[in-house]
Amino acid sequence: MKKAIPFPTTSADSESEESRHALRRAVTMRAHLRDRGTTRFEIDVIDLSVTGFRAQTSFALWPGTTVWLTLPGLAALEAVVAWRDKTRYGCAFSKPLHPAVFDHIVALSNR
């Protein structure tokens, strides 16, 4: 019996766009991220969908790590690091964002 590998360790940039389950929007936002037992640190969120986000930071995180993303004016959102490529990360939200929350975050990034 084969074991499933839940989180790829390669960059999502190599994924084909057809495999995406949700619309991904480019954003430019400073945010905070923290994992269990660590102080929070700044990241740059570079794209977002209702199911996850891509970010850049010099802080090291590993696939499978549970993290909490804090965007300006919103409660922390739980996610799991899905992949890492040097200083870029892809994270999947534990619960998909409500479409209105997604639209609000995208609008904030355009200000």
PDB file of N, CA and C in Angstrom:
ATOM      1  N   MET A   1       0.844  -1.182   0.000  1.00  0.00           N
ATOM      2  CA  MET A   1       0.000   0.000   0.000  1.00  0.00           C
ATOM      3  C   MET A   1       0.886   1.242   0.000  1.00  0.00           C
ATOM      4  N   LYS A   2       0.647   2.152  -0.904  1.00  0.00           N
ATOM      5  CA  LYS A   2       1.440   3.376  -1.005  1.00  0.00           C
ATOM      6  C   LYS A   2       0.965   4.399   0.007  1.00  0.00           C
ATOM      7  N   LYS A   3       1.934   5.136   0.580  1.00  0.00           N
ATOM      8  CA  LYS A   3       1.590   6.235   1.484  1.00  0.00           C
ATOM      9  C   LYS A   3       1.412   7.505   0.684  1.00  0.00           C
ATOM     10  N   ALA A   4       0.397   8.273   1.024  1.00  0.00           N
ATOM     11  CA  ALA A   4       0.176   9.562   0.367  1.00  0.00           C
ATOM     12  C   ALA A   4       1.148  10.579   0.927  1.00  0.00           C
ATOM     13  N   ILE A   5       1.650  11.443   0.088  1.00  0.00           N
ATOM     14  CA  ILE A   5       2.518  12.541   0.526  1.00  0.00           C
ATOM     15  C   ILE A   5       1.674  13.801   0.493  1.00  0.00           C
ATOM     16  N   PRO A   6       1.285  14.322   1.679  1.00  0.00           N
ATOM     17  CA  PRO A   6       0.322  15.427   1.714  1.00  0.00           C
ATOM     18  C   PRO A   6       0.857  16.773   1.273  1.00  0.00           C
ATOM     19  N   PHE A   7       2.158  17.029   1.417  1.00  0.00           N
ATOM     20  CA  PHE A   7       2.682  18.343   1.093  1.00  0.00           C
ATOM     21  C   PHE A   7       3.895  18.198   0.195  1.00  0.00           C
ATOM     22  N   PRO A   8       3.807  18.689  -1.054  1.00  0.00           N
ATOM     23  CA  PRO A   8       4.963  18.613  -1.933  1.00  0.00           C
ATOM     24  C   PRO A   8       6.089  19.494  -1.406  1.00  0.00           C
ATOM     25  N   THR A   9       7.330  19.086  -1.667  1.00  0.00           N
ATOM     26  CA  THR A   9       8.468  19.860  -1.197  1.00  0.00           C
ATOM     27  C   THR A   9       9.074  20.705  -2.303  1.00  0.00           C
ATOM     28  N   THR A  10       8.461  20.707  -3.466  1.00  0.00           N
ATOM     29  CA  THR A  10       8.955  21.541  -4.552  1.00  0.00           C
ATOM     30  C   THR A  10       8.092  22.774  -4.678  1.00  0.00           C
ATOM     31  N   SER A  11       8.560  23.720  -5.415  1.00  0.00           N
ATOM     32  CA  SER A  11       7.856  24.986  -5.580  1.00  0.00           C
ATOM     33  C   SER A  11       6.554  24.809  -6.338  1.00  0.00           C
ATOM     34  N   ALA A  12       5.540  25.543  -5.921  1.00  0.00           N
ATOM     35  CA  ALA A  12       4.256  25.524  -6.618  1.00  0.00           C
ATOM     36  C   ALA A  12       4.366  26.219  -7.964  1.00  0.00           C
ATOM     37  N   ASP A  13       5.465  26.963  -8.197  1.00  0.00           N
ATOM     38  CA  ASP A  13       5.631  27.593  -9.494  1.00  0.00           C
ATOM     39  C   ASP A  13       5.678  26.554 -10.599  1.00  0.00           C
ATOM     40  N   SER A  14       6.068  25.328 -10.263  1.00  0.00           N
ATOM     41  CA  SER A  14       6.155  24.288 -11.266  1.00  0.00           C
ATOM     42  C   SER A  14       4.807  23.619 -11.508  1.00  0.00           C
ATOM     43  N   GLU A  15       3.834  23.894 -10.666  1.00  0.00           N
ATOM     44  CA  GLU A  15       2.504  23.333 -10.861  1.00  0.00           C
ATOM     45  C   GLU A  15       1.852  23.979 -12.074  1.00  0.00           C
ATOM     46  N   SER A  16       1.071  23.201 -12.780  1.00  0.00           N
ATOM     47  CA  SER A  16       0.341  23.800 -13.892  1.00  0.00           C
ATOM     48  C   SER A  16      -0.852  24.564 -13.348  1.00  0.00           C
ATOM     49  N   GLU A  17      -1.199  25.635 -14.005  1.00  0.00           N
ATOM     50  CA  GLU A  17      -2.330  26.455 -13.557  1.00  0.00           C
ATOM     51  C   GLU A  17      -3.627  25.662 -13.580  1.00  0.00           C
ATOM     52  N   GLU A  18      -3.719  24.641 -14.446  1.00  0.00           N
ATOM     53  CA  GLU A  18      -4.943  23.855 -14.525  1.00  0.00           C
ATOM     54  C   GLU A  18      -5.202  23.079 -13.242  1.00  0.00           C
ATOM     55  N   SER A  19      -4.155  22.792 -12.445  1.00  0.00           N
ATOM     56  CA  SER A  19      -4.325  21.997 -11.231  1.00  0.00           C
ATOM     57  C   SER A  19      -4.839  22.828 -10.059  1.00  0.00           C
ATOM     58  N   ARG A  20      -4.919  24.127 -10.201  1.00  0.00           N
ATOM     59  CA  ARG A  20      -5.390  24.988  -9.115  1.00  0.00           C
ATOM     60  C   ARG A  20      -6.887  24.796  -8.928  1.00  0.00           C
ATOM     61  N   HIS A  21      -7.290  24.801  -7.657  1.00  0.00           N
ATOM     62  CA  HIS A  21      -8.708  24.630  -7.334  1.00  0.00           C
ATOM     63  C   HIS A  21      -9.416  25.958  -7.121  1.00  0.00           C
ATOM     64  N   ALA A  22      -8.669  27.042  -6.974  1.00  0.00           N
ATOM     65  CA  ALA A  22      -9.275  28.343  -6.684  1.00  0.00           C
ATOM     66  C   ALA A  22      -8.529  29.448  -7.430  1.00  0.00           C
ATOM     67  N   LEU A  23      -9.248  30.501  -7.770  1.00  0.00           N
ATOM     68  CA  LEU A  23      -8.660  31.659  -8.419  1.00  0.00           C
ATOM     69  C   LEU A  23      -7.610  32.279  -7.518  1.00  0.00           C
ATOM     70  N   ARG A  24      -6.444  32.535  -8.068  1.00  0.00           N
ATOM     71  CA  ARG A  24      -5.340  33.131  -7.314  1.00  0.00           C
ATOM     72  C   ARG A  24      -5.150  34.548  -7.814  1.00  0.00           C
ATOM     73  N   ARG A  25      -5.083  35.509  -6.879  1.00  0.00           N
ATOM     74  CA  ARG A  25      -4.919  36.927  -7.220  1.00  0.00           C
ATOM     75  C   ARG A  25      -3.593  37.445  -6.699  1.00  0.00           C
ATOM     76  N   ALA A  26      -2.894  38.193  -7.523  1.00  0.00           N
ATOM     77  CA  ALA A  26      -1.649  38.831  -7.085  1.00  0.00           C
ATOM     78  C   ALA A  26      -1.992  39.938  -6.098  1.00  0.00           C
ATOM     79  N   VAL A  27      -1.287  39.970  -4.990  1.00  0.00           N
ATOM     80  CA  VAL A  27      -1.454  41.016  -3.985  1.00  0.00           C
ATOM     81  C   VAL A  27      -0.062  41.433  -3.519  1.00  0.00           C
ATOM     82  N   THR A  28       0.017  42.572  -2.888  1.00  0.00           N
ATOM     83  CA  THR A  28       1.261  43.036  -2.269  1.00  0.00           C
ATOM     84  C   THR A  28       0.885  43.558  -0.896  1.00  0.00           C
ATOM     85  N   MET A  29       1.196  42.748   0.128  1.00  0.00           N
ATOM     86  CA  MET A  29       0.811  43.118   1.488  1.00  0.00           C
ATOM     87  C   MET A  29       1.875  42.690   2.478  1.00  0.00           C
ATOM     88  N   ARG A  30       2.143  43.561   3.455  1.00  0.00           N
ATOM     89  CA  ARG A  30       2.945  43.172   4.605  1.00  0.00           C
ATOM     90  C   ARG A  30       1.983  42.518   5.584  1.00  0.00           C
ATOM     91  N   ALA A  31       2.409  41.444   6.193  1.00  0.00           N
ATOM     92  CA  ALA A  31       1.581  40.733   7.157  1.00  0.00           C
ATOM     93  C   ALA A  31       2.505  40.113   8.198  1.00  0.00           C
ATOM     94  N   HIS A  32       1.914  39.470   9.185  1.00  0.00           N
ATOM     95  CA  HIS A  32       2.690  38.759  10.197  1.00  0.00           C
ATOM     96  C   HIS A  32       2.342  37.282  10.145  1.00  0.00           C
ATOM     97  N   LEU A  33       3.328  36.468  10.438  1.00  0.00           N
ATOM     98  CA  LEU A  33       3.144  35.026  10.475  1.00  0.00           C
ATOM     99  C   LEU A  33       3.795  34.522  11.756  1.00  0.00           C
ATOM    100  N   ARG A  34       3.209  33.499  12.344  1.00  0.00           N
ATOM    101  CA  ARG A  34       3.854  32.857  13.488  1.00  0.00           C
ATOM    102  C   ARG A  34       3.542  31.377  13.437  1.00  0.00           C
ATOM    103  N   ASP A  35       4.458  30.598  13.997  1.00  0.00           N
ATOM    104  CA  ASP A  35       4.183  29.184  14.176  1.00  0.00           C
ATOM    105  C   ASP A  35       4.082  28.916  15.672  1.00  0.00           C
ATOM    106  N   ARG A  36       3.842  27.690  16.051  1.00  0.00           N
ATOM    107  CA  ARG A  36       3.657  27.367  17.475  1.00  0.00           C
ATOM    108  C   ARG A  36       4.896  27.745  18.277  1.00  0.00           C
ATOM    109  N   GLY A  37       4.696  28.507  19.342  1.00  0.00           N
ATOM    110  CA  GLY A  37       5.769  28.808  20.264  1.00  0.00           C
ATOM    111  C   GLY A  37       6.807  29.803  19.777  1.00  0.00           C
ATOM    112  N   THR A  38       6.554  30.502  18.700  1.00  0.00           N
ATOM    113  CA  THR A  38       7.523  31.465  18.183  1.00  0.00           C
ATOM    114  C   THR A  38       6.919  32.850  18.166  1.00  0.00           C
ATOM    115  N   THR A  39       7.778  33.832  18.274  1.00  0.00           N
ATOM    116  CA  THR A  39       7.282  35.188  18.111  1.00  0.00           C
ATOM    117  C   THR A  39       6.919  35.397  16.650  1.00  0.00           C
ATOM    118  N   ARG A  40       6.070  36.337  16.417  1.00  0.00           N
ATOM    119  CA  ARG A  40       5.652  36.571  15.038  1.00  0.00           C
ATOM    120  C   ARG A  40       6.711  37.350  14.276  1.00  0.00           C
ATOM    121  N   PHE A  41       6.700  37.189  12.972  1.00  0.00           N
ATOM    122  CA  PHE A  41       7.666  37.874  12.118  1.00  0.00           C
ATOM    123  C   PHE A  41       6.946  38.373  10.884  1.00  0.00           C
ATOM    124  N   GLU A  42       7.555  39.348  10.206  1.00  0.00           N
ATOM    125  CA  GLU A  42       6.933  39.949   9.028  1.00  0.00           C
ATOM    126  C   GLU A  42       7.172  39.107   7.783  1.00  0.00           C
ATOM    127  N   ILE A  43       6.155  39.109   6.920  1.00  0.00           N
ATOM    128  CA  ILE A  43       6.247  38.459   5.620  1.00  0.00           C
ATOM    129  C   ILE A  43       5.646  39.384   4.574  1.00  0.00           C
ATOM    130  N   ASP A  44       5.932  39.108   3.329  1.00  0.00           N
ATOM    131  CA  ASP A  44       5.286  39.781   2.207  1.00  0.00           C
ATOM    132  C   ASP A  44       4.380  38.765   1.538  1.00  0.00           C
ATOM    133  N   VAL A  45       3.073  39.001   1.581  1.00  0.00           N
ATOM    134  CA  VAL A  45       2.123  38.141   0.886  1.00  0.00           C
ATOM    135  C   VAL A  45       2.114  38.592  -0.568  1.00  0.00           C
ATOM    136  N   ILE A  46       2.351  37.653  -1.489  1.00  0.00           N
ATOM    137  CA  ILE A  46       2.466  38.021  -2.901  1.00  0.00           C
ATOM    138  C   ILE A  46       1.338  37.488  -3.768  1.00  0.00           C
ATOM    139  N   ASP A  47       0.614  36.498  -3.287  1.00  0.00           N
ATOM    140  CA  ASP A  47      -0.643  36.145  -3.936  1.00  0.00           C
ATOM    141  C   ASP A  47      -1.544  35.414  -2.963  1.00  0.00           C
ATOM    142  N   LEU A  48      -2.820  35.352  -3.330  1.00  0.00           N
ATOM    143  CA  LEU A  48      -3.846  34.893  -2.404  1.00  0.00           C
ATOM    144  C   LEU A  48      -4.966  34.215  -3.172  1.00  0.00           C
ATOM    145  N   SER A  49      -5.529  33.178  -2.585  1.00  0.00           N
ATOM    146  CA  SER A  49      -6.756  32.563  -3.082  1.00  0.00           C
ATOM    147  C   SER A  49      -7.609  32.260  -1.857  1.00  0.00           C
ATOM    148  N   VAL A  50      -8.818  31.767  -2.060  1.00  0.00           N
ATOM    149  CA  VAL A  50      -9.653  31.429  -0.904  1.00  0.00           C
ATOM    150  C   VAL A  50      -9.090  30.224  -0.166  1.00  0.00           C
ATOM    151  N   THR A  51      -8.211  29.460  -0.808  1.00  0.00           N
ATOM    152  CA  THR A  51      -7.664  28.256  -0.175  1.00  0.00           C
ATOM    153  C   THR A  51      -6.229  28.400   0.335  1.00  0.00           C
ATOM    154  N   GLY A  52      -5.558  29.525   0.030  1.00  0.00           N
ATOM    155  CA  GLY A  52      -4.192  29.668   0.511  1.00  0.00           C
ATOM    156  C   GLY A  52      -3.515  30.941   0.033  1.00  0.00           C
ATOM    157  N   PHE A  53      -2.214  31.025   0.290  1.00  0.00           N
ATOM    158  CA  PHE A  53      -1.452  32.209  -0.092  1.00  0.00           C
ATOM    159  C   PHE A  53      -0.009  31.836  -0.369  1.00  0.00           C
ATOM    160  N   ARG A  54       0.677  32.724  -1.063  1.00  0.00           N
ATOM    161  CA  ARG A  54       2.112  32.602  -1.298  1.00  0.00           C
ATOM    162  C   ARG A  54       2.766  33.805  -0.658  1.00  0.00           C
ATOM    163  N   ALA A  55       3.895  33.572   0.012  1.00  0.00           N
ATOM    164  CA  ALA A  55       4.566  34.645   0.743  1.00  0.00           C
ATOM    165  C   ALA A  55       6.071  34.523   0.586  1.00  0.00           C
ATOM    166  N   GLN A  56       6.727  35.623   0.944  1.00  0.00           N
ATOM    167  CA  GLN A  56       8.179  35.668   0.917  1.00  0.00           C
ATOM    168  C   GLN A  56       8.672  36.175   2.261  1.00  0.00           C
ATOM    169  N   THR A  57       9.695  35.506   2.815  1.00  0.00           N
ATOM    170  CA  THR A  57      10.305  35.910   4.082  1.00  0.00           C
ATOM    171  C   THR A  57      11.665  35.246   4.208  1.00  0.00           C
ATOM    172  N   SER A  58      12.535  35.840   4.994  1.00  0.00           N
ATOM    173  CA  SER A  58      13.840  35.227   5.234  1.00  0.00           C
ATOM    174  C   SER A  58      13.791  34.247   6.407  1.00  0.00           C
ATOM    175  N   PHE A  59      12.676  34.202   7.115  1.00  0.00           N
ATOM    176  CA  PHE A  59      12.513  33.281   8.237  1.00  0.00           C
ATOM    177  C   PHE A  59      12.302  31.869   7.688  1.00  0.00           C
ATOM    178  N   ALA A  60      12.948  30.864   8.271  1.00  0.00           N
ATOM    179  CA  ALA A  60      12.845  29.492   7.776  1.00  0.00           C
ATOM    180  C   ALA A  60      11.627  28.769   8.350  1.00  0.00           C
ATOM    181  N   LEU A  61      10.830  28.216   7.455  1.00  0.00           N
ATOM    182  CA  LEU A  61       9.682  27.388   7.809  1.00  0.00           C
ATOM    183  C   LEU A  61       9.778  26.099   6.996  1.00  0.00           C
ATOM    184  N   TRP A  62       9.133  25.048   7.469  1.00  0.00           N
ATOM    185  CA  TRP A  62       9.221  23.766   6.780  1.00  0.00           C
ATOM    186  C   TRP A  62       7.838  23.264   6.389  1.00  0.00           C
ATOM    187  N   PRO A  63       7.725  22.576   5.256  1.00  0.00           N
ATOM    188  CA  PRO A  63       6.438  21.998   4.867  1.00  0.00           C
ATOM    189  C   PRO A  63       5.848  21.151   5.992  1.00  0.00           C
ATOM    190  N   GLY A  64       4.543  21.310   6.189  1.00  0.00           N
ATOM    191  CA  GLY A  64       3.839  20.604   7.250  1.00  0.00           C
ATOM    192  C   GLY A  64       3.676  21.410   8.521  1.00  0.00           C
ATOM    193  N   THR A  65       4.363  22.559   8.617  1.00  0.00           N
ATOM    194  CA  THR A  65       4.276  23.407   9.802  1.00  0.00           C
ATOM    195  C   THR A  65       2.951  24.167   9.823  1.00  0.00           C
ATOM    196  N   THR A  66       2.263  24.151  10.955  1.00  0.00           N
ATOM    197  CA  THR A  66       1.050  24.956  11.133  1.00  0.00           C
ATOM    198  C   THR A  66       1.475  26.373  11.478  1.00  0.00           C
ATOM    199  N   VAL A  67       0.878  27.350  10.791  1.00  0.00           N
ATOM    200  CA  VAL A  67       1.195  28.760  11.004  1.00  0.00           C
ATOM    201  C   VAL A  67      -0.100  29.560  11.107  1.00  0.00           C
ATOM    202  N   TRP A  68       0.023  30.789  11.607  1.00  0.00           N
ATOM    203  CA  TRP A  68      -1.112  31.702  11.680  1.00  0.00           C
ATOM    204  C   TRP A  68      -0.726  32.992  10.966  1.00  0.00           C
ATOM    205  N   LEU A  69      -1.508  33.353   9.963  1.00  0.00           N
ATOM    206  CA  LEU A  69      -1.303  34.564   9.176  1.00  0.00           C
ATOM    207  C   LEU A  69      -2.173  35.668   9.749  1.00  0.00           C
ATOM    208  N   THR A  70      -1.562  36.823  10.049  1.00  0.00           N
ATOM    209  CA  THR A  70      -2.317  37.976  10.521  1.00  0.00           C
ATOM    210  C   THR A  70      -2.177  39.092   9.503  1.00  0.00           C
ATOM    211  N   LEU A  71      -3.291  39.428   8.879  1.00  0.00           N
ATOM    212  CA  LEU A  71      -3.366  40.526   7.926  1.00  0.00           C
ATOM    213  C   LEU A  71      -3.947  41.735   8.635  1.00  0.00           C
ATOM    214  N   PRO A  72      -3.610  42.952   8.196  1.00  0.00           N
ATOM    215  CA  PRO A  72      -4.114  44.157   8.865  1.00  0.00           C
ATOM    216  C   PRO A  72      -5.641  44.144   9.008  1.00  0.00           C
ATOM    217  N   GLY A  73      -6.105  44.325  10.248  1.00  0.00           N
ATOM    218  CA  GLY A  73      -7.534  44.435  10.515  1.00  0.00           C
ATOM    219  C   GLY A  73      -8.300  43.130  10.562  1.00  0.00           C
ATOM    220  N   LEU A  74      -7.615  41.991  10.466  1.00  0.00           N
ATOM    221  CA  LEU A  74      -8.307  40.699  10.478  1.00  0.00           C
ATOM    222  C   LEU A  74      -7.755  39.806  11.587  1.00  0.00           C
ATOM    223  N   ALA A  75      -8.577  38.869  12.030  1.00  0.00           N
ATOM    224  CA  ALA A  75      -8.123  37.872  13.003  1.00  0.00           C
ATOM    225  C   ALA A  75      -7.124  36.941  12.318  1.00  0.00           C
ATOM    226  N   ALA A  76      -6.304  36.279  13.110  1.00  0.00           N
ATOM    227  CA  ALA A  76      -5.307  35.354  12.565  1.00  0.00           C
ATOM    228  C   ALA A  76      -5.992  34.199  11.836  1.00  0.00           C
ATOM    229  N   LEU A  77      -5.416  33.812  10.706  1.00  0.00           N
ATOM    230  CA  LEU A  77      -5.937  32.727   9.881  1.00  0.00           C
ATOM    231  C   LEU A  77      -4.972  31.554   9.952  1.00  0.00           C
ATOM    232  N   GLU A  78      -5.471  30.388  10.321  1.00  0.00           N
ATOM    233  CA  GLU A  78      -4.628  29.202  10.425  1.00  0.00           C
ATOM    234  C   GLU A  78      -4.355  28.626   9.043  1.00  0.00           C
ATOM    235  N   ALA A  79      -3.112  28.204   8.834  1.00  0.00           N
ATOM    236  CA  ALA A  79      -2.706  27.615   7.559  1.00  0.00           C
ATOM    237  C   ALA A  79      -1.598  26.599   7.813  1.00  0.00           C
ATOM    238  N   VAL A  80      -1.279  25.829   6.785  1.00  0.00           N
ATOM    239  CA  VAL A  80      -0.190  24.867   6.845  1.00  0.00           C
ATOM    240  C   VAL A  80       0.766  25.164   5.699  1.00  0.00           C
ATOM    241  N   VAL A  81       2.066  25.172   5.978  1.00  0.00           N
ATOM    242  CA  VAL A  81       3.065  25.383   4.929  1.00  0.00           C
ATOM    243  C   VAL A  81       3.029  24.158   4.005  1.00  0.00           C
ATOM    244  N   ALA A  82       2.744  24.392   2.736  1.00  0.00           N
ATOM    245  CA  ALA A  82       2.640  23.306   1.759  1.00  0.00           C
ATOM    246  C   ALA A  82       3.956  23.070   1.029  1.00  0.00           C
ATOM    247  N   TRP A  83       4.686  24.142   0.741  1.00  0.00           N
ATOM    248  CA  TRP A  83       5.964  24.020   0.041  1.00  0.00           C
ATOM    249  C   TRP A  83       6.875  25.185   0.368  1.00  0.00           C
ATOM    250  N   ARG A  84       8.163  24.981   0.099  1.00  0.00           N
ATOM    251  CA  ARG A  84       9.173  26.014   0.333  1.00  0.00           C
ATOM    252  C   ARG A  84      10.148  26.007  -0.832  1.00  0.00           C
ATOM    253  N   ASP A  85      10.517  27.203  -1.279  1.00  0.00           N
ATOM    254  CA  ASP A  85      11.535  27.364  -2.311  1.00  0.00           C
ATOM    255  C   ASP A  85      12.398  28.548  -1.903  1.00  0.00           C
ATOM    256  N   LYS A  86      13.485  28.269  -1.180  1.00  0.00           N
ATOM    257  CA  LYS A  86      14.389  29.279  -0.622  1.00  0.00           C
ATOM    258  C   LYS A  86      13.627  30.199   0.321  1.00  0.00           C
ATOM    259  N   THR A  87      13.282  31.423  -0.123  1.00  0.00           N
ATOM    260  CA  THR A  87      12.584  32.363   0.765  1.00  0.00           C
ATOM    261  C   THR A  87      11.108  32.525   0.406  1.00  0.00           C
ATOM    262  N   ARG A  88      10.610  31.684  -0.484  1.00  0.00           N
ATOM    263  CA  ARG A  88       9.190  31.745  -0.886  1.00  0.00           C
ATOM    264  C   ARG A  88       8.461  30.525  -0.357  1.00  0.00           C
ATOM    265  N   TYR A  89       7.230  30.752   0.060  1.00  0.00           N
ATOM    266  CA  TYR A  89       6.431  29.704   0.672  1.00  0.00           C
ATOM    267  C   TYR A  89       5.021  29.693   0.109  1.00  0.00           C
ATOM    268  N   GLY A  90       4.449  28.510   0.016  1.00  0.00           N
ATOM    269  CA  GLY A  90       3.042  28.354  -0.306  1.00  0.00           C
ATOM    270  C   GLY A  90       2.356  27.744   0.893  1.00  0.00           C
ATOM    271  N   CYS A  91       1.246  28.328   1.302  1.00  0.00           N
ATOM    272  CA  CYS A  91       0.521  27.855   2.485  1.00  0.00           C
ATOM    273  C   CYS A  91      -0.943  27.638   2.139  1.00  0.00           C
ATOM    274  N   ALA A  92      -1.517  26.597   2.717  1.00  0.00           N
ATOM    275  CA  ALA A  92      -2.932  26.274   2.510  1.00  0.00           C
ATOM    276  C   ALA A  92      -3.700  26.606   3.788  1.00  0.00           C
ATOM    277  N   PHE A  93      -4.777  27.386   3.638  1.00  0.00           N
ATOM    278  CA  PHE A  93      -5.607  27.707   4.795  1.00  0.00           C
ATOM    279  C   PHE A  93      -6.270  26.438   5.324  1.00  0.00           C
ATOM    280  N   SER A  94      -6.414  26.351   6.651  1.00  0.00           N
ATOM    281  CA  SER A  94      -7.092  25.212   7.262  1.00  0.00           C
ATOM    282  C   SER A  94      -8.571  25.192   6.887  1.00  0.00           C
ATOM    283  N   LYS A  95      -9.151  26.381   6.771  1.00  0.00           N
ATOM    284  CA  LYS A  95     -10.535  26.531   6.309  1.00  0.00           C
ATOM    285  C   LYS A  95     -10.518  27.568   5.204  1.00  0.00           C
ATOM    286  N   PRO A  96     -11.178  27.301   4.088  1.00  0.00           N
ATOM    287  CA  PRO A  96     -11.188  28.293   3.000  1.00  0.00           C
ATOM    288  C   PRO A  96     -11.779  29.623   3.466  1.00  0.00           C
ATOM    289  N   LEU A  97     -11.259  30.706   2.896  1.00  0.00           N
ATOM    290  CA  LEU A  97     -11.794  32.037   3.198  1.00  0.00           C
ATOM    291  C   LEU A  97     -13.189  32.176   2.601  1.00  0.00           C
ATOM    292  N   HIS A  98     -14.048  32.906   3.289  1.00  0.00           N
ATOM    293  CA  HIS A  98     -15.337  33.269   2.718  1.00  0.00           C
ATOM    294  C   HIS A  98     -15.040  34.196   1.542  1.00  0.00           C
ATOM    295  N   PRO A  99     -15.763  34.081   0.424  1.00  0.00           N
ATOM    296  CA  PRO A  99     -15.492  34.943  -0.731  1.00  0.00           C
ATOM    297  C   PRO A  99     -15.495  36.438  -0.411  1.00  0.00           C
ATOM    298  N   ALA A 100     -16.358  36.886   0.514  1.00  0.00           N
ATOM    299  CA  ALA A 100     -16.393  38.308   0.871  1.00  0.00           C
ATOM    300  C   ALA A 100     -15.110  38.711   1.604  1.00  0.00           C
ATOM    301  N   VAL A 101     -14.574  37.822   2.441  1.00  0.00           N
ATOM    302  CA  VAL A 101     -13.310  38.098   3.139  1.00  0.00           C
ATOM    303  C   VAL A 101     -12.178  38.145   2.121  1.00  0.00           C
ATOM    304  N   PHE A 102     -12.162  37.208   1.190  1.00  0.00           N
ATOM    305  CA  PHE A 102     -11.164  37.205   0.124  1.00  0.00           C
ATOM    306  C   PHE A 102     -11.196  38.527  -0.646  1.00  0.00           C
ATOM    307  N   ASP A 103     -12.389  38.954  -1.067  1.00  0.00           N
ATOM    308  CA  ASP A 103     -12.525  40.212  -1.808  1.00  0.00           C
ATOM    309  C   ASP A 103     -12.045  41.401  -0.978  1.00  0.00           C
ATOM    310  N   HIS A 104     -12.336  41.384   0.319  1.00  0.00           N
ATOM    311  CA  HIS A 104     -11.904  42.465   1.211  1.00  0.00           C
ATOM    312  C   HIS A 104     -10.371  42.538   1.285  1.00  0.00           C
ATOM    313  N   ILE A 105      -9.725  41.383   1.434  1.00  0.00           N
ATOM    314  CA  ILE A 105      -8.268  41.359   1.514  1.00  0.00           C
ATOM    315  C   ILE A 105      -7.646  41.845   0.207  1.00  0.00           C
ATOM    316  N   VAL A 106      -8.168  41.414  -0.921  1.00  0.00           N
ATOM    317  CA  VAL A 106      -7.656  41.853  -2.225  1.00  0.00           C
ATOM    318  C   VAL A 106      -7.831  43.352  -2.367  1.00  0.00           C
ATOM    319  N   ALA A 107      -8.970  43.890  -1.938  1.00  0.00           N
ATOM    320  CA  ALA A 107      -9.204  45.336  -2.004  1.00  0.00           C
ATOM    321  C   ALA A 107      -8.215  46.086  -1.121  1.00  0.00           C
ATOM    322  N   LEU A 108      -7.919  45.554   0.070  1.00  0.00           N
ATOM    323  CA  LEU A 108      -6.937  46.190   0.962  1.00  0.00           C
ATOM    324  C   LEU A 108      -5.569  46.260   0.296  1.00  0.00           C
ATOM    325  N   SER A 109      -5.217  45.218  -0.431  1.00  0.00           N
ATOM    326  CA  SER A 109      -3.880  45.176  -1.047  1.00  0.00           C
ATOM    327  C   SER A 109      -3.755  46.179  -2.177  1.00  0.00           C
ATOM    328  N   ASN A 110      -4.868  46.609  -2.738  1.00  0.00           N
ATOM    329  CA  ASN A 110      -4.840  47.565  -3.854  1.00  0.00           C
ATOM    330  C   ASN A 110      -4.787  49.010  -3.405  1.00  0.00           C
ATOM    331  N   ARG A 111      -4.839  49.249  -2.099  1.00  0.00           N
ATOM    332  CA  ARG A 111      -4.817  50.617  -1.573  1.00  0.00           C
ATOM    333  C   ARG A 111      -3.416  51.169  -1.531  1.00  0.00           C
TER     334      ARG A 111
END
